[in-house]
Amino acid sequence: MNNTELEPMAATATETTTDVSSPAALDVNADTPGTLLKLENSDQTFANSEWQEQLEKALQFLVVFPDHFGSVFGEYRKPMTTVGLILAAGLGIAVADGVLARLNAIPLFAPTFELVGLGFTGWVVVRYLLYADTRNELLQELDRVKARILGKAS
């Protein structure tokens, strides 16, 4: 398009008036700058006030939360610690399972792990289970470990 084609369109744009369903018609003139009319929207102000209320509630919760959490943790310290340790152990087992699954996918790793396991099992049988005096030593060691876990004096 060249400038001569644009001039008739510009002339028609400046002469146009539009009815925007208000009592007075608006004159739209592309050559002169105008101002934007801000319409008051009661729904928007209501939404903003509701949003402000929700923000105030969230901030109030964040202020009170550390004190509340501290009192709850102080009251239920042992059960929460136990649950935390169980969750950490479960997470550790899941991670170890994933790592071992990836390692078993590597050729020759799975047979090597099997050989190590069989060798350790053989060592335990010979060291602790073959003779009666070493079986008693194993039972005493198991009792000491059980007493340490359960908190009984040995």
C-alpha atoms as a PDB file:
ATOM      1  CA  MET A   1       0.000   0.000   0.000  1.00  0.00           C
ATOM      2  CA  ASN A   2       1.246   3.470  -0.748  1.00  0.00           C
ATOM      3  CA  ASN A   3       0.458   6.754   0.994  1.00  0.00           C
ATOM      4  CA  THR A   4      -2.318   7.701  -1.423  1.00  0.00           C
ATOM      5  CA  GLU A   5      -4.272   4.580  -0.473  1.00  0.00           C
ATOM      6  CA  LEU A   6      -3.901   5.289   3.251  1.00  0.00           C
ATOM      7  CA  GLU A   7      -5.173   8.871   3.105  1.00  0.00           C
ATOM      8  CA  PRO A   8      -8.843   8.062   2.327  1.00  0.00           C
ATOM      9  CA  MET A   9      -8.910   5.540   5.205  1.00  0.00           C
ATOM     10  CA  ALA A  10      -7.468   8.093   7.616  1.00  0.00           C
ATOM     11  CA  ALA A  11     -10.027  10.648   6.541  1.00  0.00           C
ATOM     12  CA  THR A  12     -12.904   8.263   7.198  1.00  0.00           C
ATOM     13  CA  ALA A  13     -11.471   7.255  10.565  1.00  0.00           C
ATOM     14  CA  THR A  14     -11.374  10.831  11.816  1.00  0.00           C
ATOM     15  CA  GLU A  15     -14.929  11.517  10.833  1.00  0.00           C
ATOM     16  CA  THR A  16     -16.445   8.442  12.492  1.00  0.00           C
ATOM     17  CA  THR A  17     -18.591   8.630  15.610  1.00  0.00           C
ATOM     18  CA  THR A  18     -19.694   5.591  17.525  1.00  0.00           C
ATOM     19  CA  ASP A  19     -22.573   4.965  19.888  1.00  0.00           C
ATOM     20  CA  VAL A  20     -21.415   3.002  22.961  1.00  0.00           C
ATOM     21  CA  SER A  21     -24.873   2.548  24.439  1.00  0.00           C
ATOM     22  CA  SER A  22     -24.635   5.685  26.521  1.00  0.00           C
ATOM     23  CA  PRO A  23     -26.796   8.793  26.283  1.00  0.00           C
ATOM     24  CA  ALA A  24     -24.046  10.774  24.546  1.00  0.00           C
ATOM     25  CA  ALA A  25     -22.198   9.597  21.444  1.00  0.00           C
ATOM     26  CA  LEU A  26     -18.425   9.530  21.549  1.00  0.00           C
ATOM     27  CA  ASP A  27     -16.357  11.197  18.862  1.00  0.00           C
ATOM     28  CA  VAL A  28     -13.436   8.978  17.894  1.00  0.00           C
ATOM     29  CA  ASN A  29     -10.614  10.950  16.330  1.00  0.00           C
ATOM     30  CA  ALA A  30      -7.362   9.135  15.595  1.00  0.00           C
ATOM     31  CA  ASP A  31      -5.395  12.374  15.095  1.00  0.00           C
ATOM     32  CA  THR A  32      -5.832  13.841  18.598  1.00  0.00           C
ATOM     33  CA  PRO A  33      -4.787  12.089  21.800  1.00  0.00           C
ATOM     34  CA  GLY A  34      -7.442  11.386  24.349  1.00  0.00           C
ATOM     35  CA  THR A  35      -7.780  10.169  27.896  1.00  0.00           C
ATOM     36  CA  LEU A  36      -8.877   6.783  29.103  1.00  0.00           C
ATOM     37  CA  LEU A  37     -12.094   6.621  31.020  1.00  0.00           C
ATOM     38  CA  LYS A  38     -11.886   4.522  34.158  1.00  0.00           C
ATOM     39  CA  LEU A  39     -15.071   2.699  34.949  1.00  0.00           C
ATOM     40  CA  GLU A  40     -15.846   1.872  38.519  1.00  0.00           C
ATOM     41  CA  ASN A  41     -16.421  -1.810  38.951  1.00  0.00           C
ATOM     42  CA  SER A  42     -17.956  -2.782  42.242  1.00  0.00           C
ATOM     43  CA  ASP A  43     -17.139  -6.475  41.607  1.00  0.00           C
ATOM     44  CA  GLN A  44     -13.451  -5.654  41.223  1.00  0.00           C
ATOM     45  CA  THR A  45     -13.315  -3.628  44.434  1.00  0.00           C
ATOM     46  CA  PHE A  46     -15.179  -6.420  46.212  1.00  0.00           C
ATOM     47  CA  ALA A  47     -12.666  -8.960  44.882  1.00  0.00           C
ATOM     48  CA  ASN A  48      -9.771  -6.764  46.018  1.00  0.00           C
ATOM     49  CA  SER A  49     -11.206  -6.412  49.522  1.00  0.00           C
ATOM     50  CA  GLU A  50     -11.812 -10.159  49.692  1.00  0.00           C
ATOM     51  CA  TRP A  51      -8.268 -10.756  48.507  1.00  0.00           C
ATOM     52  CA  GLN A  52      -6.970  -8.375  51.179  1.00  0.00           C
ATOM     53  CA  GLU A  53      -8.917 -10.280  53.842  1.00  0.00           C
ATOM     54  CA  GLN A  54      -7.433 -13.582  52.693  1.00  0.00           C
ATOM     55  CA  LEU A  55      -3.959 -12.041  52.692  1.00  0.00           C
ATOM     56  CA  GLU A  56      -4.474 -10.766  56.243  1.00  0.00           C
ATOM     57  CA  LYS A  57      -5.578 -14.237  57.374  1.00  0.00           C
ATOM     58  CA  ALA A  58      -2.537 -15.849  55.740  1.00  0.00           C
ATOM     59  CA  LEU A  59      -0.176 -13.345  57.345  1.00  0.00           C
ATOM     60  CA  GLN A  60      -1.814 -13.871  60.737  1.00  0.00           C
ATOM     61  CA  PHE A  61      -1.371 -17.646  60.319  1.00  0.00           C
ATOM     62  CA  LEU A  62       2.313 -17.185  59.446  1.00  0.00           C
ATOM     63  CA  VAL A  63       2.817 -15.078  62.564  1.00  0.00           C
ATOM     64  CA  VAL A  64       1.139 -17.608  64.877  1.00  0.00           C
ATOM     65  CA  PHE A  65       2.473 -20.782  63.182  1.00  0.00           C
ATOM     66  CA  PRO A  66       5.981 -20.957  64.777  1.00  0.00           C
ATOM     67  CA  ASP A  67       4.592 -20.673  68.314  1.00  0.00           C
ATOM     68  CA  HIS A  68       1.852 -23.204  67.620  1.00  0.00           C
ATOM     69  CA  PHE A  69       4.275 -25.630  65.953  1.00  0.00           C
ATOM     70  CA  GLY A  70       6.722 -25.289  68.860  1.00  0.00           C
ATOM     71  CA  SER A  71       4.063 -26.092  71.448  1.00  0.00           C
ATOM     72  CA  VAL A  72       2.735 -29.070  69.459  1.00  0.00           C
ATOM     73  CA  PHE A  73       6.255 -30.399  68.847  1.00  0.00           C
ATOM     74  CA  GLY A  74       7.111 -29.995  72.536  1.00  0.00           C
ATOM     75  CA  GLU A  75       4.034 -31.951  73.536  1.00  0.00           C
ATOM     76  CA  TYR A  76       4.390 -34.733  70.946  1.00  0.00           C
ATOM     77  CA  ARG A  77       8.182 -34.829  70.532  1.00  0.00           C
ATOM     78  CA  LYS A  78       8.700 -38.610  70.815  1.00  0.00           C
ATOM     79  CA  PRO A  79       5.907 -39.715  68.440  1.00  0.00           C
ATOM     80  CA  MET A  80       6.827 -37.065  65.870  1.00  0.00           C
ATOM     81  CA  THR A  81      10.497 -38.070  66.054  1.00  0.00           C
ATOM     82  CA  THR A  82       9.558 -41.724  65.619  1.00  0.00           C
ATOM     83  CA  VAL A  83       7.368 -40.956  62.612  1.00  0.00           C
ATOM     84  CA  GLY A  84      10.144 -38.805  61.131  1.00  0.00           C
ATOM     85  CA  LEU A  85      12.698 -41.602  61.572  1.00  0.00           C
ATOM     86  CA  ILE A  86      10.344 -44.146  59.993  1.00  0.00           C
ATOM     87  CA  LEU A  87       9.753 -41.837  57.019  1.00  0.00           C
ATOM     88  CA  ALA A  88      13.506 -41.205  56.671  1.00  0.00           C
ATOM     89  CA  ALA A  89      14.192 -44.959  56.786  1.00  0.00           C
ATOM     90  CA  GLY A  90      11.531 -45.575  54.140  1.00  0.00           C
ATOM     91  CA  LEU A  91      13.024 -42.874  51.948  1.00  0.00           C
ATOM     92  CA  GLY A  92      16.498 -44.351  52.441  1.00  0.00           C
ATOM     93  CA  ILE A  93      15.270 -47.805  51.456  1.00  0.00           C
ATOM     94  CA  ALA A  94      13.546 -46.409  48.358  1.00  0.00           C
ATOM     95  CA  VAL A  95      16.706 -44.557  47.290  1.00  0.00           C
ATOM     96  CA  ALA A  96      18.897 -47.619  47.936  1.00  0.00           C
ATOM     97  CA  ASP A  97      16.476 -49.763  45.921  1.00  0.00           C
ATOM     98  CA  GLY A  98      16.650 -47.328  43.017  1.00  0.00           C
ATOM     99  CA  VAL A  99      20.453 -47.203  43.119  1.00  0.00           C
ATOM    100  CA  LEU A 100      20.738 -50.997  43.271  1.00  0.00           C
ATOM    101  CA  ALA A 101      18.260 -51.366  40.409  1.00  0.00           C
ATOM    102  CA  ARG A 102      20.432 -49.072  38.275  1.00  0.00           C
ATOM    103  CA  LEU A 103      23.603 -50.911  39.285  1.00  0.00           C
ATOM    104  CA  ASN A 104      22.046 -54.285  38.505  1.00  0.00           C
ATOM    105  CA  ALA A 105      21.290 -53.034  35.004  1.00  0.00           C
ATOM    106  CA  ILE A 106      25.049 -52.721  34.382  1.00  0.00           C
ATOM    107  CA  PRO A 107      26.520 -55.962  32.968  1.00  0.00           C
ATOM    108  CA  LEU A 108      28.551 -58.076  35.437  1.00  0.00           C
ATOM    109  CA  PHE A 109      27.399 -56.090  38.485  1.00  0.00           C
ATOM    110  CA  ALA A 110      24.529 -58.437  39.404  1.00  0.00           C
ATOM    111  CA  PRO A 111      26.716 -61.597  39.338  1.00  0.00           C
ATOM    112  CA  THR A 112      29.410 -59.766  41.322  1.00  0.00           C
ATOM    113  CA  PHE A 113      26.868 -58.789  43.985  1.00  0.00           C
ATOM    114  CA  GLU A 114      25.674 -62.381  44.165  1.00  0.00           C
ATOM    115  CA  LEU A 115      29.232 -63.637  44.659  1.00  0.00           C
ATOM    116  CA  VAL A 116      29.873 -61.081  47.415  1.00  0.00           C
ATOM    117  CA  GLY A 117      26.631 -62.100  49.143  1.00  0.00           C
ATOM    118  CA  LEU A 118      27.466 -65.788  48.938  1.00  0.00           C
ATOM    119  CA  GLY A 119      30.983 -65.140  50.252  1.00  0.00           C
ATOM    120  CA  PHE A 120      29.681 -63.135  53.226  1.00  0.00           C
ATOM    121  CA  THR A 121      27.081 -65.803  54.004  1.00  0.00           C
ATOM    122  CA  GLY A 122      29.806 -68.460  53.960  1.00  0.00           C
ATOM    123  CA  TRP A 123      31.978 -66.352  56.293  1.00  0.00           C
ATOM    124  CA  VAL A 124      29.104 -65.921  58.801  1.00  0.00           C
ATOM    125  CA  VAL A 125      28.400 -69.679  58.744  1.00  0.00           C
ATOM    126  CA  VAL A 126      32.031 -70.581  59.355  1.00  0.00           C
ATOM    127  CA  ARG A 127      32.678 -67.797  61.894  1.00  0.00           C
ATOM    128  CA  TYR A 128      29.515 -67.999  64.014  1.00  0.00           C
ATOM    129  CA  LEU A 129      27.375 -71.044  63.226  1.00  0.00           C
ATOM    130  CA  LEU A 130      29.791 -73.942  62.760  1.00  0.00           C
ATOM    131  CA  TYR A 131      30.897 -74.424  66.395  1.00  0.00           C
ATOM    132  CA  ALA A 132      28.908 -74.297  69.645  1.00  0.00           C
ATOM    133  CA  ASP A 133      31.151 -71.781  71.451  1.00  0.00           C
ATOM    134  CA  THR A 134      30.946 -69.306  68.552  1.00  0.00           C
ATOM    135  CA  ARG A 135      27.150 -69.745  68.420  1.00  0.00           C
ATOM    136  CA  ASN A 136      27.012 -68.717  72.116  1.00  0.00           C
ATOM    137  CA  GLU A 137      29.218 -65.718  71.283  1.00  0.00           C
ATOM    138  CA  LEU A 138      26.763 -64.739  68.507  1.00  0.00           C
ATOM    139  CA  LEU A 139      23.764 -65.074  70.845  1.00  0.00           C
ATOM    140  CA  GLN A 140      25.473 -62.919  73.492  1.00  0.00           C
ATOM    141  CA  GLU A 141      26.247 -60.261  70.862  1.00  0.00           C
ATOM    142  CA  LEU A 142      22.617 -60.318  69.680  1.00  0.00           C
ATOM    143  CA  ASP A 143      21.417 -59.904  73.286  1.00  0.00           C
ATOM    144  CA  ARG A 144      23.752 -56.896  73.760  1.00  0.00           C
ATOM    145  CA  VAL A 145      22.448 -55.269  70.577  1.00  0.00           C
ATOM    146  CA  LYS A 146      18.837 -55.956  71.585  1.00  0.00           C
ATOM    147  CA  ALA A 147      19.447 -54.419  75.007  1.00  0.00           C
ATOM    148  CA  ARG A 148      20.990 -51.307  73.443  1.00  0.00           C
ATOM    149  CA  ILE A 149      18.013 -50.895  71.076  1.00  0.00           C
ATOM    150  CA  LEU A 150      15.357 -51.461  73.752  1.00  0.00           C
ATOM    151  CA  GLY A 151      17.230 -49.358  76.327  1.00  0.00           C
ATOM    152  CA  LYS A 152      17.710 -52.079  78.943  1.00  0.00           C
ATOM    153  CA  ALA A 153      20.886 -52.137  81.014  1.00  0.00           C
ATOM    154  CA  SER A 154      23.166 -55.036  80.215  1.00  0.00           C
END
